[in-house]
Amino acid sequence: MWKEFVADSPSALLPDFSYSGYHHGEKAIPEIKGPVFNVVDYGAVPNNGKNASAAIQAAVDACEAAGVCVVFFQTVPSSSMMTK
């Protein structure tokens, strides 16, 4: 992207990612309080091409039953989980 911008700078657009992330990078990510429910622990498998909706819902349901918690999507760079 940078090479294209430099080569054609008068008409090229360079995306501004300076405000990406949690609260646009202006606030620190809060500490996790309460249990963490990893969707992988409920059967979701990154990059397997199969629908992970049931596993994700199971993690959400367990989280809801616990009260305050976090549903964590364990992924690696360039990974995905399919849903309906």
Protein backbone atom coordinates (compact mmCIF):
# COMPACT_ATOMS: atom_id res chain seq x y z
CA MET A 1 0.00 0.00 0.00
CA TRP A 2 2.82 2.41 0.86
CA LYS A 3 4.61 1.81 -2.44
CA GLU A 4 1.42 2.57 -4.38
CA PHE A 5 0.91 5.73 -2.33
CA VAL A 6 4.44 6.97 -2.97
CA ALA A 7 4.28 6.08 -6.68
CA ASP A 8 0.98 7.89 -7.23
CA SER A 9 0.81 10.25 -4.25
CA PRO A 10 -1.25 13.06 -5.82
CA SER A 11 -4.23 10.79 -6.41
CA ALA A 12 -3.55 7.89 -4.03
CA LEU A 13 -5.35 7.50 -0.72
CA LEU A 14 -3.54 6.37 2.39
CA PRO A 15 -5.96 4.96 5.00
CA ASP A 16 -5.78 6.48 8.46
CA PHE A 17 -5.65 3.68 11.03
CA SER A 18 -4.63 5.97 13.88
CA TYR A 19 -8.04 5.64 15.55
CA SER A 20 -8.43 1.88 15.23
CA GLY A 21 -8.70 -0.37 18.25
CA TYR A 22 -10.42 -0.15 21.60
CA HIS A 23 -11.96 3.32 22.04
CA HIS A 24 -9.92 4.55 19.05
CA GLY A 25 -6.68 3.90 20.94
CA GLU A 26 -7.50 6.71 23.37
CA LYS A 27 -8.26 4.48 26.37
CA ALA A 28 -6.39 1.54 27.82
CA ILE A 29 -7.92 -1.89 27.41
CA PRO A 30 -9.60 -2.71 30.73
CA GLU A 31 -8.47 -5.56 32.93
CA ILE A 32 -10.60 -8.65 32.56
CA LYS A 33 -12.63 -9.28 35.68
CA GLY A 34 -14.52 -12.51 35.91
CA PRO A 35 -14.19 -15.73 33.97
CA VAL A 36 -13.14 -15.94 30.32
CA PHE A 37 -15.06 -18.30 28.05
CA ASN A 38 -12.97 -19.31 25.05
CA VAL A 39 -15.15 -20.36 22.10
CA VAL A 40 -12.50 -22.97 21.19
CA ASP A 41 -13.23 -24.70 24.50
CA TYR A 42 -16.84 -25.03 23.33
CA GLY A 43 -15.96 -26.61 19.98
CA ALA A 44 -15.21 -23.72 17.62
CA VAL A 45 -12.24 -24.46 15.35
CA PRO A 46 -10.59 -21.59 13.46
CA ASN A 47 -10.11 -22.11 9.71
CA ASN A 48 -11.88 -25.46 9.46
CA GLY A 49 -14.61 -24.15 7.14
CA LYS A 50 -17.36 -25.48 9.41
CA ASN A 51 -20.09 -23.43 11.04
CA ALA A 52 -19.03 -22.38 14.56
CA SER A 53 -22.38 -20.82 15.53
CA ALA A 54 -23.36 -23.55 18.01
CA ALA A 55 -19.98 -23.41 19.77
CA ILE A 56 -20.07 -19.62 19.94
CA GLN A 57 -23.63 -19.68 21.29
CA ALA A 58 -22.63 -22.27 23.91
CA ALA A 59 -19.82 -19.99 25.10
CA VAL A 60 -22.20 -17.01 25.21
CA ASP A 61 -24.76 -19.05 27.16
CA ALA A 62 -22.12 -20.17 29.69
CA CYS A 63 -20.93 -16.58 30.01
CA GLU A 64 -24.46 -15.35 30.59
CA ALA A 65 -25.02 -17.96 33.28
CA ALA A 66 -21.82 -16.83 35.04
CA GLY A 67 -22.85 -13.17 35.09
CA VAL A 68 -19.94 -10.85 34.39
CA CYS A 69 -17.48 -12.45 32.00
CA VAL A 70 -15.72 -12.30 28.64
CA VAL A 71 -16.35 -14.41 25.54
CA PHE A 72 -12.95 -14.84 23.90
CA PHE A 73 -12.43 -15.67 20.23
CA GLN A 74 -9.09 -17.45 20.06
CA THR A 75 -7.68 -16.78 16.66
CA VAL A 76 -4.32 -16.57 15.01
CA PRO A 77 -3.37 -14.07 12.32
CA SER A 78 -5.38 -14.62 9.15
CA SER A 79 -7.85 -16.96 10.81
CA SER A 80 -11.61 -16.96 10.77
CA MET A 81 -14.62 -18.70 12.25
CA MET A 82 -17.69 -19.30 10.13
CA THR A 83 -21.17 -18.45 11.34
CA LYS A 84 -24.57 -18.51 9.66
